[in-house]
Amino acid sequence: WVATISRRLATDYVDFVKGRFTISRDNAK
């Protein structure tokens, strides 16, 4: 697992990508 984003836009990352990767979502799309 690398990253998760909830429907409410809460995010979490595995330690080795924190500060480098960003997860985001577009619910309309």
mmCIF file of all heavy atoms, coordinates in Angstrom:
data_MODEL
# 
_entry.id   MODEL 
# 
loop_
_atom_site.group_PDB 
_atom_site.id 
_atom_site.type_symbol 
_atom_site.label_atom_id 
_atom_site.label_alt_id 
_atom_site.label_comp_id 
_atom_site.label_asym_id 
_atom_site.label_entity_id 
_atom_site.label_seq_id 
_atom_site.pdbx_PDB_ins_code 
_atom_site.Cartn_x 
_atom_site.Cartn_y 
_atom_site.Cartn_z 
_atom_site.occupancy 
_atom_site.B_iso_or_equiv 
_atom_site.pdbx_formal_charge 
_atom_site.auth_seq_id 
_atom_site.auth_comp_id 
_atom_site.auth_asym_id 
_atom_site.auth_atom_id 
_atom_site.pdbx_PDB_model_num 
ATOM 1   N N   . TRP A 1 1  ? 0.826   -1.194 0.000   1.00 0.00 ? 1  TRP A N   1 
ATOM 2   C CA  . TRP A 1 1  ? 0.000   0.000  0.000   1.00 0.00 ? 1  TRP A CA  1 
ATOM 3   C C   . TRP A 1 1  ? 0.866   1.253  0.000   1.00 0.00 ? 1  TRP A C   1 
ATOM 4   O O   . TRP A 1 1  ? 1.905   1.296  0.658   1.00 0.00 ? 1  TRP A O   1 
ATOM 5   C CB  . TRP A 1 1  ? -0.920  -0.008 1.225   1.00 0.00 ? 1  TRP A CB  1 
ATOM 6   C CG  . TRP A 1 1  ? -1.551  1.307  1.535   1.00 0.00 ? 1  TRP A CG  1 
ATOM 7   C CD1 . TRP A 1 1  ? -2.635  1.858  0.936   1.00 0.00 ? 1  TRP A CD1 1 
ATOM 8   C CD2 . TRP A 1 1  ? -1.123  2.240  2.532   1.00 0.00 ? 1  TRP A CD2 1 
ATOM 9   N NE1 . TRP A 1 1  ? -2.923  3.083  1.498   1.00 0.00 ? 1  TRP A NE1 1 
ATOM 10  C CE2 . TRP A 1 1  ? -2.005  3.329  2.485   1.00 0.00 ? 1  TRP A CE2 1 
ATOM 11  C CE3 . TRP A 1 1  ? -0.082  2.246  3.466   1.00 0.00 ? 1  TRP A CE3 1 
ATOM 12  C CZ2 . TRP A 1 1  ? -1.892  4.425  3.322   1.00 0.00 ? 1  TRP A CZ2 1 
ATOM 13  C CZ3 . TRP A 1 1  ? 0.047   3.328  4.312   1.00 0.00 ? 1  TRP A CZ3 1 
ATOM 14  C CH2 . TRP A 1 1  ? -0.845  4.402  4.234   1.00 0.00 ? 1  TRP A CH2 1 
ATOM 15  N N   . VAL A 1 2  ? 0.440   2.263  -0.724  1.00 0.00 ? 2  VAL A N   1 
ATOM 16  C CA  . VAL A 1 2  ? 1.194   3.510  -0.832  1.00 0.00 ? 2  VAL A CA  1 
ATOM 17  C C   . VAL A 1 2  ? 0.440   4.686  -0.230  1.00 0.00 ? 2  VAL A C   1 
ATOM 18  O O   . VAL A 1 2  ? 1.003   5.442  0.559   1.00 0.00 ? 2  VAL A O   1 
ATOM 19  C CB  . VAL A 1 2  ? 1.548   3.824  -2.299  1.00 0.00 ? 2  VAL A CB  1 
ATOM 20  C CG1 . VAL A 1 2  ? 2.218   5.194  -2.416  1.00 0.00 ? 2  VAL A CG1 1 
ATOM 21  C CG2 . VAL A 1 2  ? 2.463   2.737  -2.859  1.00 0.00 ? 2  VAL A CG2 1 
ATOM 22  N N   . ALA A 1 3  ? -0.826  4.873  -0.611  1.00 0.00 ? 3  ALA A N   1 
ATOM 23  C CA  . ALA A 1 3  ? -1.568  6.043  -0.160  1.00 0.00 ? 3  ALA A CA  1 
ATOM 24  C C   . ALA A 1 3  ? -3.062  5.794  -0.232  1.00 0.00 ? 3  ALA A C   1 
ATOM 25  O O   . ALA A 1 3  ? -3.534  4.981  -1.023  1.00 0.00 ? 3  ALA A O   1 
ATOM 26  C CB  . ALA A 1 3  ? -1.215  7.274  -1.009  1.00 0.00 ? 3  ALA A CB  1 
ATOM 27  N N   . THR A 1 4  ? -3.815  6.502  0.605   1.00 0.00 ? 4  THR A N   1 
ATOM 28  C CA  . THR A 1 4  ? -5.271  6.420  0.648   1.00 0.00 ? 4  THR A CA  1 
ATOM 29  C C   . THR A 1 4  ? -5.855  7.814  0.755   1.00 0.00 ? 4  THR A C   1 
ATOM 30  O O   . THR A 1 4  ? -5.298  8.673  1.449   1.00 0.00 ? 4  THR A O   1 
ATOM 31  C CB  . THR A 1 4  ? -5.754  5.584  1.853   1.00 0.00 ? 4  THR A CB  1 
ATOM 32  O OG1 . THR A 1 4  ? -5.282  4.241  1.734   1.00 0.00 ? 4  THR A OG1 1 
ATOM 33  C CG2 . THR A 1 4  ? -7.275  5.566  1.931   1.00 0.00 ? 4  THR A CG2 1 
ATOM 34  N N   . ILE A 1 5  ? -6.967  8.029  0.080   1.00 0.00 ? 5  ILE A N   1 
ATOM 35  C CA  . ILE A 1 5  ? -7.739  9.252  0.265   1.00 0.00 ? 5  ILE A CA  1 
ATOM 36  C C   . ILE A 1 5  ? -9.202  8.861  0.441   1.00 0.00 ? 5  ILE A C   1 
ATOM 37  O O   . ILE A 1 5  ? -9.748  8.078  -0.332  1.00 0.00 ? 5  ILE A O   1 
ATOM 38  C CB  . ILE A 1 5  ? -7.545  10.242 -0.899  1.00 0.00 ? 5  ILE A CB  1 
ATOM 39  C CG1 . ILE A 1 5  ? -8.298  11.548 -0.621  1.00 0.00 ? 5  ILE A CG1 1 
ATOM 40  C CG2 . ILE A 1 5  ? -7.955  9.637  -2.234  1.00 0.00 ? 5  ILE A CG2 1 
ATOM 41  C CD1 . ILE A 1 5  ? -7.883  12.681 -1.543  1.00 0.00 ? 5  ILE A CD1 1 
ATOM 42  N N   . SER A 1 6  ? -9.827  9.380  1.488   1.00 0.00 ? 6  SER A N   1 
ATOM 43  C CA  . SER A 1 6  ? -11.218 9.070  1.770   1.00 0.00 ? 6  SER A CA  1 
ATOM 44  C C   . SER A 1 6  ? -12.147 9.958  0.959   1.00 0.00 ? 6  SER A C   1 
ATOM 45  O O   . SER A 1 6  ? -11.720 10.915 0.304   1.00 0.00 ? 6  SER A O   1 
ATOM 46  C CB  . SER A 1 6  ? -11.513 9.233  3.263   1.00 0.00 ? 6  SER A CB  1 
ATOM 47  O OG  . SER A 1 6  ? -11.574 10.603 3.617   1.00 0.00 ? 6  SER A OG  1 
ATOM 48  N N   . ARG A 1 7  ? -13.431 9.646  1.016   1.00 0.00 ? 7  ARG A N   1 
ATOM 49  C CA  . ARG A 1 7  ? -14.421 10.460 0.328   1.00 0.00 ? 7  ARG A CA  1 
ATOM 50  C C   . ARG A 1 7  ? -14.437 11.886 0.877   1.00 0.00 ? 7  ARG A C   1 
ATOM 51  O O   . ARG A 1 7  ? -14.778 12.821 0.156   1.00 0.00 ? 7  ARG A O   1 
ATOM 52  C CB  . ARG A 1 7  ? -15.797 9.815  0.449   1.00 0.00 ? 7  ARG A CB  1 
ATOM 53  C CG  . ARG A 1 7  ? -16.890 10.469 -0.359  1.00 0.00 ? 7  ARG A CG  1 
ATOM 54  C CD  . ARG A 1 7  ? -18.103 9.554  -0.460  1.00 0.00 ? 7  ARG A CD  1 
ATOM 55  N NE  . ARG A 1 7  ? -19.204 10.180 -1.170  1.00 0.00 ? 7  ARG A NE  1 
ATOM 56  C CZ  . ARG A 1 7  ? -20.215 10.809 -0.590  1.00 0.00 ? 7  ARG A CZ  1 
ATOM 57  N NH1 . ARG A 1 7  ? -20.277 10.897 0.728   1.00 0.00 ? 7  ARG A NH1 1 
ATOM 58  N NH2 . ARG A 1 7  ? -21.182 11.346 -1.322  1.00 0.00 ? 7  ARG A NH2 1 
ATOM 59  N N   . ARG A 1 8  ? -14.072 12.043 2.154   1.00 0.00 ? 8  ARG A N   1 
ATOM 60  C CA  . ARG A 1 8  ? -14.013 13.353 2.787   1.00 0.00 ? 8  ARG A CA  1 
ATOM 61  C C   . ARG A 1 8  ? -12.658 14.032 2.597   1.00 0.00 ? 8  ARG A C   1 
ATOM 62  O O   . ARG A 1 8  ? -12.404 15.068 3.196   1.00 0.00 ? 8  ARG A O   1 
ATOM 63  C CB  . ARG A 1 8  ? -14.308 13.243 4.281   1.00 0.00 ? 8  ARG A CB  1 
ATOM 64  C CG  . ARG A 1 8  ? -15.405 12.279 4.669   1.00 0.00 ? 8  ARG A CG  1 
ATOM 65  C CD  . ARG A 1 8  ? -16.760 12.683 4.165   1.00 0.00 ? 8  ARG A CD  1 
ATOM 66  N NE  . ARG A 1 8  ? -17.808 11.859 4.772   1.00 0.00 ? 8  ARG A NE  1 
ATOM 67  C CZ  . ARG A 1 8  ? -19.062 11.789 4.352   1.00 0.00 ? 8  ARG A CZ  1 
ATOM 68  N NH1 . ARG A 1 8  ? -19.444 12.504 3.312   1.00 0.00 ? 8  ARG A NH1 1 
ATOM 69  N NH2 . ARG A 1 8  ? -19.930 11.017 4.965   1.00 0.00 ? 8  ARG A NH2 1 
ATOM 70  N N   . LEU A 1 9  ? -11.781 13.439 1.799   1.00 0.00 ? 9  LEU A N   1 
ATOM 71  C CA  . LEU A 1 9  ? -10.476 13.980 1.432   1.00 0.00 ? 9  LEU A CA  1 
ATOM 72  C C   . LEU A 1 9  ? -9.416  13.829 2.520   1.00 0.00 ? 9  LEU A C   1 
ATOM 73  O O   . LEU A 1 9  ? -8.360  14.462 2.438   1.00 0.00 ? 9  LEU A O   1 
ATOM 74  C CB  . LEU A 1 9  ? -10.587 15.449 1.009   1.00 0.00 ? 9  LEU A CB  1 
ATOM 75  C CG  . LEU A 1 9  ? -11.586 15.747 -0.114  1.00 0.00 ? 9  LEU A CG  1 
ATOM 76  C CD1 . LEU A 1 9  ? -11.514 17.215 -0.509  1.00 0.00 ? 9  LEU A CD1 1 
ATOM 77  C CD2 . LEU A 1 9  ? -11.310 14.871 -1.330  1.00 0.00 ? 9  LEU A CD2 1 
ATOM 78  N N   . ALA A 1 10 ? -9.658  12.984 3.522   1.00 0.00 ? 10 ALA A N   1 
ATOM 79  C CA  . ALA A 1 10 ? -8.605  12.656 4.469   1.00 0.00 ? 10 ALA A CA  1 
ATOM 80  C C   . ALA A 1 10 ? -7.577  11.768 3.773   1.00 0.00 ? 10 ALA A C   1 
ATOM 81  O O   . ALA A 1 10 ? -7.940  10.887 2.991   1.00 0.00 ? 10 ALA A O   1 
ATOM 82  C CB  . ALA A 1 10 ? -9.183  11.946 5.685   1.00 0.00 ? 10 ALA A CB  1 
ATOM 83  N N   . THR A 1 11 ? -6.295  12.000 4.049   1.00 0.00 ? 11 THR A N   1 
ATOM 84  C CA  . THR A 1 11 ? -5.233  11.270 3.360   1.00 0.00 ? 11 THR A CA  1 
ATOM 85  C C   . THR A 1 11 ? -4.296  10.580 4.329   1.00 0.00 ? 11 THR A C   1 
ATOM 86  O O   . THR A 1 11 ? -4.154  10.975 5.482   1.00 0.00 ? 11 THR A O   1 
ATOM 87  C CB  . THR A 1 11 ? -4.408  12.206 2.465   1.00 0.00 ? 11 THR A CB  1 
ATOM 88  O OG1 . THR A 1 11 ? -3.814  13.238 3.266   1.00 0.00 ? 11 THR A OG1 1 
ATOM 89  C CG2 . THR A 1 11 ? -5.279  12.841 1.396   1.00 0.00 ? 11 THR A CG2 1 
ATOM 90  N N   . ASP A 1 12 ? -3.625  9.543  3.834   1.00 0.00 ? 12 ASP A N   1 
ATOM 91  C CA  . ASP A 1 12 ? -2.614  8.832  4.595   1.00 0.00 ? 12 ASP A CA  1 
ATOM 92  C C   . ASP A 1 12 ? -1.621  8.239  3.607   1.00 0.00 ? 12 ASP A C   1 
ATOM 93  O O   . ASP A 1 12 ? -1.988  7.881  2.489   1.00 0.00 ? 12 ASP A O   1 
ATOM 94  C CB  . ASP A 1 12 ? -3.240  7.736  5.457   1.00 0.00 ? 12 ASP A CB  1 
ATOM 95  C CG  . ASP A 1 12 ? -2.316  7.259  6.563   1.00 0.00 ? 12 ASP A CG  1 
ATOM 96  O OD1 . ASP A 1 12 ? -1.291  7.907  6.808   1.00 0.00 ? 12 ASP A OD1 1 
ATOM 97  O OD2 . ASP A 1 12 ? -2.623  6.221  7.193   1.00 0.00 ? 12 ASP A OD2 1 
ATOM 98  N N   . TYR A 1 13 ? -0.347  8.135  4.031   1.00 0.00 ? 13 TYR A N   1 
ATOM 99  C CA  . TYR A 1 13 ? 0.722   7.660  3.173   1.00 0.00 ? 13 TYR A CA  1 
ATOM 100 C C   . TYR A 1 13 ? 1.621   6.697  3.917   1.00 0.00 ? 13 TYR A C   1 
ATOM 101 O O   . TYR A 1 13 ? 1.791   6.793  5.139   1.00 0.00 ? 13 TYR A O   1 
ATOM 102 C CB  . TYR A 1 13 ? 1.594   8.822  2.685   1.00 0.00 ? 13 TYR A CB  1 
ATOM 103 C CG  . TYR A 1 13 ? 0.857   9.913  1.957   1.00 0.00 ? 13 TYR A CG  1 
ATOM 104 C CD1 . TYR A 1 13 ? 0.289   10.977 2.651   1.00 0.00 ? 13 TYR A CD1 1 
ATOM 105 C CD2 . TYR A 1 13 ? 0.744   9.889  0.576   1.00 0.00 ? 13 TYR A CD2 1 
ATOM 106 C CE1 . TYR A 1 13 ? -0.382  11.989 1.981   1.00 0.00 ? 13 TYR A CE1 1 
ATOM 107 C CE2 . TYR A 1 13 ? 0.075   10.900 -0.104  1.00 0.00 ? 13 TYR A CE2 1 
ATOM 108 C CZ  . TYR A 1 13 ? -0.485  11.945 0.611   1.00 0.00 ? 13 TYR A CZ  1 
ATOM 109 O OH  . TYR A 1 13 ? -1.149  12.948 -0.056  1.00 0.00 ? 13 TYR A OH  1 
ATOM 110 N N   . VAL A 1 14 ? 2.226   5.797  3.172   1.00 0.00 ? 14 VAL A N   1 
ATOM 111 C CA  . VAL A 1 14 ? 3.267   4.974  3.741   1.00 0.00 ? 14 VAL A CA  1 
ATOM 112 C C   . VAL A 1 14 ? 4.491   5.867  3.997   1.00 0.00 ? 14 VAL A C   1 
ATOM 113 O O   . VAL A 1 14 ? 4.704   6.867  3.288   1.00 0.00 ? 14 VAL A O   1 
ATOM 114 C CB  . VAL A 1 14 ? 3.617   3.795  2.801   1.00 0.00 ? 14 VAL A CB  1 
ATOM 115 C CG1 . VAL A 1 14 ? 4.328   4.284  1.550   1.00 0.00 ? 14 VAL A CG1 1 
ATOM 116 C CG2 . VAL A 1 14 ? 4.421   2.731  3.524   1.00 0.00 ? 14 VAL A CG2 1 
ATOM 117 N N   . ASP A 1 15 ? 5.279   5.530  5.010   1.00 0.00 ? 15 ASP A N   1 
ATOM 118 C CA  . ASP A 1 15 ? 6.338   6.428  5.458   1.00 0.00 ? 15 ASP A CA  1 
ATOM 119 C C   . ASP A 1 15 ? 7.320   6.829  4.356   1.00 0.00 ? 15 ASP A C   1 
ATOM 120 O O   . ASP A 1 15 ? 7.744   7.987  4.288   1.00 0.00 ? 15 ASP A O   1 
ATOM 121 C CB  . ASP A 1 15 ? 7.104   5.796  6.622   1.00 0.00 ? 15 ASP A CB  1 
ATOM 122 C CG  . ASP A 1 15 ? 6.332   5.835  7.923   1.00 0.00 ? 15 ASP A CG  1 
ATOM 123 O OD1 . ASP A 1 15 ? 5.338   6.579  8.019   1.00 0.00 ? 15 ASP A OD1 1 
ATOM 124 O OD2 . ASP A 1 15 ? 6.740   5.122  8.861   1.00 0.00 ? 15 ASP A OD2 1 
ATOM 125 N N   . PHE A 1 16 ? 7.702   5.906  3.503   1.00 0.00 ? 16 PHE A N   1 
ATOM 126 C CA  . PHE A 1 16 ? 8.774   6.192  2.562   1.00 0.00 ? 16 PHE A CA  1 
ATOM 127 C C   . PHE A 1 16 ? 8.371   7.109  1.407   1.00 0.00 ? 16 PHE A C   1 
ATOM 128 O O   . PHE A 1 16 ? 9.222   7.475  0.593   1.00 0.00 ? 16 PHE A O   1 
ATOM 129 C CB  . PHE A 1 16 ? 9.410   4.889  2.026   1.00 0.00 ? 16 PHE A CB  1 
ATOM 130 C CG  . PHE A 1 16 ? 8.446   3.895  1.445   1.00 0.00 ? 16 PHE A CG  1 
ATOM 131 C CD1 . PHE A 1 16 ? 7.905   4.077  0.183   1.00 0.00 ? 16 PHE A CD1 1 
ATOM 132 C CD2 . PHE A 1 16 ? 8.108   2.756  2.161   1.00 0.00 ? 16 PHE A CD2 1 
ATOM 133 C CE1 . PHE A 1 16 ? 7.031   3.149  -0.354  1.00 0.00 ? 16 PHE A CE1 1 
ATOM 134 C CE2 . PHE A 1 16 ? 7.227   1.821  1.633   1.00 0.00 ? 16 PHE A CE2 1 
ATOM 135 C CZ  . PHE A 1 16 ? 6.686   2.026  0.368   1.00 0.00 ? 16 PHE A CZ  1 
ATOM 136 N N   . VAL A 1 17 ? 7.100   7.514  1.315   1.00 0.00 ? 17 VAL A N   1 
ATOM 137 C CA  . VAL A 1 17 ? 6.708   8.478  0.290   1.00 0.00 ? 17 VAL A CA  1 
ATOM 138 C C   . VAL A 1 17 ? 6.222   9.792  0.884   1.00 0.00 ? 17 VAL A C   1 
ATOM 139 O O   . VAL A 1 17 ? 5.947   10.734 0.129   1.00 0.00 ? 17 VAL A O   1 
ATOM 140 C CB  . VAL A 1 17 ? 5.630   7.919  -0.659  1.00 0.00 ? 17 VAL A CB  1 
ATOM 141 C CG1 . VAL A 1 17 ? 6.064   6.576  -1.229  1.00 0.00 ? 17 VAL A CG1 1 
ATOM 142 C CG2 . VAL A 1 17 ? 4.278   7.809  0.038   1.00 0.00 ? 17 VAL A CG2 1 
ATOM 143 N N   . LYS A 1 18 ? 6.132   9.889  2.193   1.00 0.00 ? 18 LYS A N   1 
ATOM 144 C CA  . LYS A 1 18 ? 5.658   11.112 2.828   1.00 0.00 ? 18 LYS A CA  1 
ATOM 145 C C   . LYS A 1 18 ? 6.564   12.288 2.478   1.00 0.00 ? 18 LYS A C   1 
ATOM 146 O O   . LYS A 1 18 ? 7.782   12.193 2.537   1.00 0.00 ? 18 LYS A O   1 
ATOM 147 C CB  . LYS A 1 18 ? 5.591   10.939 4.347   1.00 0.00 ? 18 LYS A CB  1 
ATOM 148 C CG  . LYS A 1 18 ? 4.458   10.042 4.810   1.00 0.00 ? 18 LYS A CG  1 
ATOM 149 C CD  . LYS A 1 18 ? 4.415   9.927  6.329   1.00 0.00 ? 18 LYS A CD  1 
ATOM 150 C CE  . LYS A 1 18 ? 3.244   9.066  6.769   1.00 0.00 ? 18 LYS A CE  1 
ATOM 151 N NZ  . LYS A 1 18 ? 3.218   8.882  8.246   1.00 0.00 ? 18 LYS A NZ  1 
ATOM 152 N N   . GLY A 1 19 ? 5.948   13.391 2.110   1.00 0.00 ? 19 GLY A N   1 
ATOM 153 C CA  . GLY A 1 19 ? 6.686   14.578 1.712   1.00 0.00 ? 19 GLY A CA  1 
ATOM 154 C C   . GLY A 1 19 ? 7.043   14.613 0.248   1.00 0.00 ? 19 GLY A C   1 
ATOM 155 O O   . GLY A 1 19 ? 7.487   15.656 -0.251  1.00 0.00 ? 19 GLY A O   1 
ATOM 156 N N   . ARG A 1 20 ? 6.871   13.500 -0.469  1.00 0.00 ? 20 ARG A N   1 
ATOM 157 C CA  . ARG A 1 20 ? 7.201   13.434 -1.889  1.00 0.00 ? 20 ARG A CA  1 
ATOM 158 C C   . ARG A 1 20 ? 5.970   13.174 -2.761  1.00 0.00 ? 20 ARG A C   1 
ATOM 159 O O   . ARG A 1 20 ? 5.878   13.703 -3.865  1.00 0.00 ? 20 ARG A O   1 
ATOM 160 C CB  . ARG A 1 20 ? 8.240   12.341 -2.159  1.00 0.00 ? 20 ARG A CB  1 
ATOM 161 C CG  . ARG A 1 20 ? 9.567   12.561 -1.443  1.00 0.00 ? 20 ARG A CG  1 
ATOM 162 C CD  . ARG A 1 20 ? 10.615  11.555 -1.900  1.00 0.00 ? 20 ARG A CD  1 
ATOM 163 N NE  . ARG A 1 20 ? 10.235  10.172 -1.588  1.00 0.00 ? 20 ARG A NE  1 
ATOM 164 C CZ  . ARG A 1 20 ? 10.073  9.214  -2.502  1.00 0.00 ? 20 ARG A CZ  1 
ATOM 165 N NH1 . ARG A 1 20 ? 10.270  9.478  -3.788  1.00 0.00 ? 20 ARG A NH1 1 
ATOM 166 N NH2 . ARG A 1 20 ? 9.735   7.982  -2.132  1.00 0.00 ? 20 ARG A NH2 1 
ATOM 167 N N   . PHE A 1 21 ? 5.035   12.353 -2.277  1.00 0.00 ? 21 PHE A N   1 
ATOM 168 C CA  . PHE A 1 21 ? 3.847   11.991 -3.047  1.00 0.00 ? 21 PHE A CA  1 
ATOM 169 C C   . PHE A 1 21 ? 2.625   12.697 -2.479  1.00 0.00 ? 21 PHE A C   1 
ATOM 170 O O   . PHE A 1 21 ? 2.523   12.916 -1.262  1.00 0.00 ? 21 PHE A O   1 
ATOM 171 C CB  . PHE A 1 21 ? 3.591   10.484 -2.997  1.00 0.00 ? 21 PHE A CB  1 
ATOM 172 C CG  . PHE A 1 21 ? 4.601   9.638  -3.734  1.00 0.00 ? 21 PHE A CG  1 
ATOM 173 C CD1 . PHE A 1 21 ? 5.768   10.174 -4.245  1.00 0.00 ? 21 PHE A CD1 1 
ATOM 174 C CD2 . PHE A 1 21 ? 4.358   8.282  -3.903  1.00 0.00 ? 21 PHE A CD2 1 
ATOM 175 C CE1 . PHE A 1 21 ? 6.688   9.386  -4.912  1.00 0.00 ? 21 PHE A CE1 1 
ATOM 176 C CE2 . PHE A 1 21 ? 5.266   7.480  -4.573  1.00 0.00 ? 21 PHE A CE2 1 
ATOM 177 C CZ  . PHE A 1 21 ? 6.436   8.034  -5.074  1.00 0.00 ? 21 PHE A CZ  1 
ATOM 178 N N   . THR A 1 22 ? 1.681   13.018 -3.353  1.00 0.00 ? 22 THR A N   1 
ATOM 179 C CA  . THR A 1 22 ? 0.417   13.613 -2.941  1.00 0.00 ? 22 THR A CA  1 
ATOM 180 C C   . THR A 1 22 ? -0.729  12.903 -3.644  1.00 0.00 ? 22 THR A C   1 
ATOM 181 O O   . THR A 1 22 ? -0.754  12.837 -4.875  1.00 0.00 ? 22 THR A O   1 
ATOM 182 C CB  . THR A 1 22 ? 0.361   15.114 -3.266  1.00 0.00 ? 22 THR A CB  1 
ATOM 183 O OG1 . THR A 1 22 ? 1.450   15.791 -2.627  1.00 0.00 ? 22 THR A OG1 1 
ATOM 184 C CG2 . THR A 1 22 ? -0.952  15.715 -2.779  1.00 0.00 ? 22 THR A CG2 1 
ATOM 185 N N   . ILE A 1 23 ? -1.670  12.369 -2.872  1.00 0.00 ? 23 ILE A N   1 
ATOM 186 C CA  . ILE A 1 23 ? -2.854  11.742 -3.436  1.00 0.00 ? 23 ILE A CA  1 
ATOM 187 C C   . ILE A 1 23 ? -3.996  12.756 -3.409  1.00 0.00 ? 23 ILE A C   1 
ATOM 188 O O   . ILE A 1 23 ? -4.137  13.526 -2.457  1.00 0.00 ? 23 ILE A O   1 
ATOM 189 C CB  . ILE A 1 23 ? -3.229  10.450 -2.666  1.00 0.00 ? 23 ILE A CB  1 
ATOM 190 C CG1 . ILE A 1 23 ? -4.369  9.706  -3.374  1.00 0.00 ? 23 ILE A CG1 1 
ATOM 191 C CG2 . ILE A 1 23 ? -3.574  10.746 -1.217  1.00 0.00 ? 23 ILE A CG2 1 
ATOM 192 C CD1 . ILE A 1 23 ? -4.638  8.320  -2.794  1.00 0.00 ? 23 ILE A CD1 1 
ATOM 193 N N   . SER A 1 24 ? -4.792  12.769 -4.460  1.00 0.00 ? 24 SER A N   1 
ATOM 194 C CA  . SER A 1 24 ? -5.934  13.667 -4.541  1.00 0.00 ? 24 SER A CA  1 
ATOM 195 C C   . SER A 1 24 ? -7.038  12.981 -5.332  1.00 0.00 ? 24 SER A C   1 
ATOM 196 O O   . SER A 1 24 ? -6.820  11.935 -5.946  1.00 0.00 ? 24 SER A O   1 
ATOM 197 C CB  . SER A 1 24 ? -5.545  15.002 -5.183  1.00 0.00 ? 24 SER A CB  1 
ATOM 198 O OG  . SER A 1 24 ? -5.078  14.820 -6.506  1.00 0.00 ? 24 SER A OG  1 
ATOM 199 N N   . ARG A 1 25 ? -8.219  13.575 -5.322  1.00 0.00 ? 25 ARG A N   1 
ATOM 200 C CA  . ARG A 1 25 ? -9.335  12.984 -6.063  1.00 0.00 ? 25 ARG A CA  1 
ATOM 201 C C   . ARG A 1 25 ? -10.278 14.058 -6.553  1.00 0.00 ? 25 ARG A C   1 
ATOM 202 O O   . ARG A 1 25 ? -10.375 15.146 -5.970  1.00 0.00 ? 25 ARG A O   1 
ATOM 203 C CB  . ARG A 1 25 ? -10.087 11.957 -5.205  1.00 0.00 ? 25 ARG A CB  1 
ATOM 204 C CG  . ARG A 1 25 ? -10.815 12.541 -4.014  1.00 0.00 ? 25 ARG A CG  1 
ATOM 205 C CD  . ARG A 1 25 ? -11.325 11.431 -3.078  1.00 0.00 ? 25 ARG A CD  1 
ATOM 206 N NE  . ARG A 1 25 ? -12.506 10.764 -3.592  1.00 0.00 ? 25 ARG A NE  1 
ATOM 207 C CZ  . ARG A 1 25 ? -13.047 9.667  -3.048  1.00 0.00 ? 25 ARG A CZ  1 
ATOM 208 N NH1 . ARG A 1 25 ? -12.469 9.106  -1.984  1.00 0.00 ? 25 ARG A NH1 1 
ATOM 209 N NH2 . ARG A 1 25 ? -14.135 9.126  -3.565  1.00 0.00 ? 25 ARG A NH2 1 
ATOM 210 N N   . ASP A 1 26 ? -10.983 13.740 -7.615  1.00 0.00 ? 26 ASP A N   1 
ATOM 211 C CA  . ASP A 1 26 ? -12.026 14.582 -8.165  1.00 0.00 ? 26 ASP A CA  1 
ATOM 212 C C   . ASP A 1 26 ? -13.290 13.732 -8.160  1.00 0.00 ? 26 ASP A C   1 
ATOM 213 O O   . ASP A 1 26 ? -13.464 12.865 -9.016  1.00 0.00 ? 26 ASP A O   1 
ATOM 214 C CB  . ASP A 1 26 ? -11.672 15.043 -9.573  1.00 0.00 ? 26 ASP A CB  1 
ATOM 215 C CG  . ASP A 1 26 ? -12.675 16.024 -10.145 1.00 0.00 ? 26 ASP A CG  1 
ATOM 216 O OD1 . ASP A 1 26 ? -13.845 16.011 -9.727  1.00 0.00 ? 26 ASP A OD1 1 
ATOM 217 O OD2 . ASP A 1 26 ? -12.285 16.818 -11.022 1.00 0.00 ? 26 ASP A OD2 1 
ATOM 218 N N   . ASN A 1 27 ? -14.151 13.963 -7.193  1.00 0.00 ? 27 ASN A N   1 
ATOM 219 C CA  . ASN A 1 27 ? -15.343 13.126 -7.045  1.00 0.00 ? 27 ASN A CA  1 
ATOM 220 C C   . ASN A 1 27 ? -16.307 13.268 -8.228  1.00 0.00 ? 27 ASN A C   1 
ATOM 221 O O   . ASN A 1 27 ? -16.998 12.315 -8.580  1.00 0.00 ? 27 ASN A O   1 
ATOM 222 C CB  . ASN A 1 27 ? -16.067 13.465 -5.738  1.00 0.00 ? 27 ASN A CB  1 
ATOM 223 C CG  . ASN A 1 27 ? -15.304 12.996 -4.513  1.00 0.00 ? 27 ASN A CG  1 
ATOM 224 O OD1 . ASN A 1 27 ? -14.554 12.019 -4.575  1.00 0.00 ? 27 ASN A OD1 1 
ATOM 225 N ND2 . ASN A 1 27 ? -15.492 13.675 -3.395  1.00 0.00 ? 27 ASN A ND2 1 
ATOM 226 N N   . ALA A 1 28 ? -16.357 14.443 -8.827  1.00 0.00 ? 28 ALA A N   1 
ATOM 227 C CA  . ALA A 1 28 ? -17.231 14.648 -9.974  1.00 0.00 ? 28 ALA A CA  1 
ATOM 228 C C   . ALA A 1 28 ? -16.799 13.802 -11.165 1.00 0.00 ? 28 ALA A C   1 
ATOM 229 O O   . ALA A 1 28 ? -17.629 13.400 -11.982 1.00 0.00 ? 28 ALA A O   1 
ATOM 230 C CB  . ALA A 1 28 ? -17.275 16.123 -10.362 1.00 0.00 ? 28 ALA A CB  1 
ATOM 231 N N   . LYS A 1 29 ? -15.496 13.538 -11.275 1.00 0.00 ? 29 LYS A N   1 
ATOM 232 C CA  . LYS A 1 29 ? -14.963 12.748 -12.378 1.00 0.00 ? 29 LYS A CA  1 
ATOM 233 C C   . LYS A 1 29 ? -14.654 11.312 -11.987 1.00 0.00 ? 29 LYS A C   1 
ATOM 234 O O   . LYS A 1 29 ? -14.181 10.543 -12.829 1.00 0.00 ? 29 LYS A O   1 
ATOM 235 C CB  . LYS A 1 29 ? -13.691 13.405 -12.922 1.00 0.00 ? 29 LYS A CB  1 
ATOM 236 C CG  . LYS A 1 29 ? -13.902 14.781 -13.520 1.00 0.00 ? 29 LYS A CG  1 
ATOM 237 C CD  . LYS A 1 29 ? -12.597 15.347 -14.047 1.00 0.00 ? 29 LYS A CD  1 
ATOM 238 C CE  . LYS A 1 29 ? -12.803 16.712 -14.671 1.00 0.00 ? 29 LYS A CE  1 
ATOM 239 N NZ  . LYS A 1 29 ? -11.525 17.284 -15.183 1.00 0.00 ? 29 LYS A NZ  1 
# 
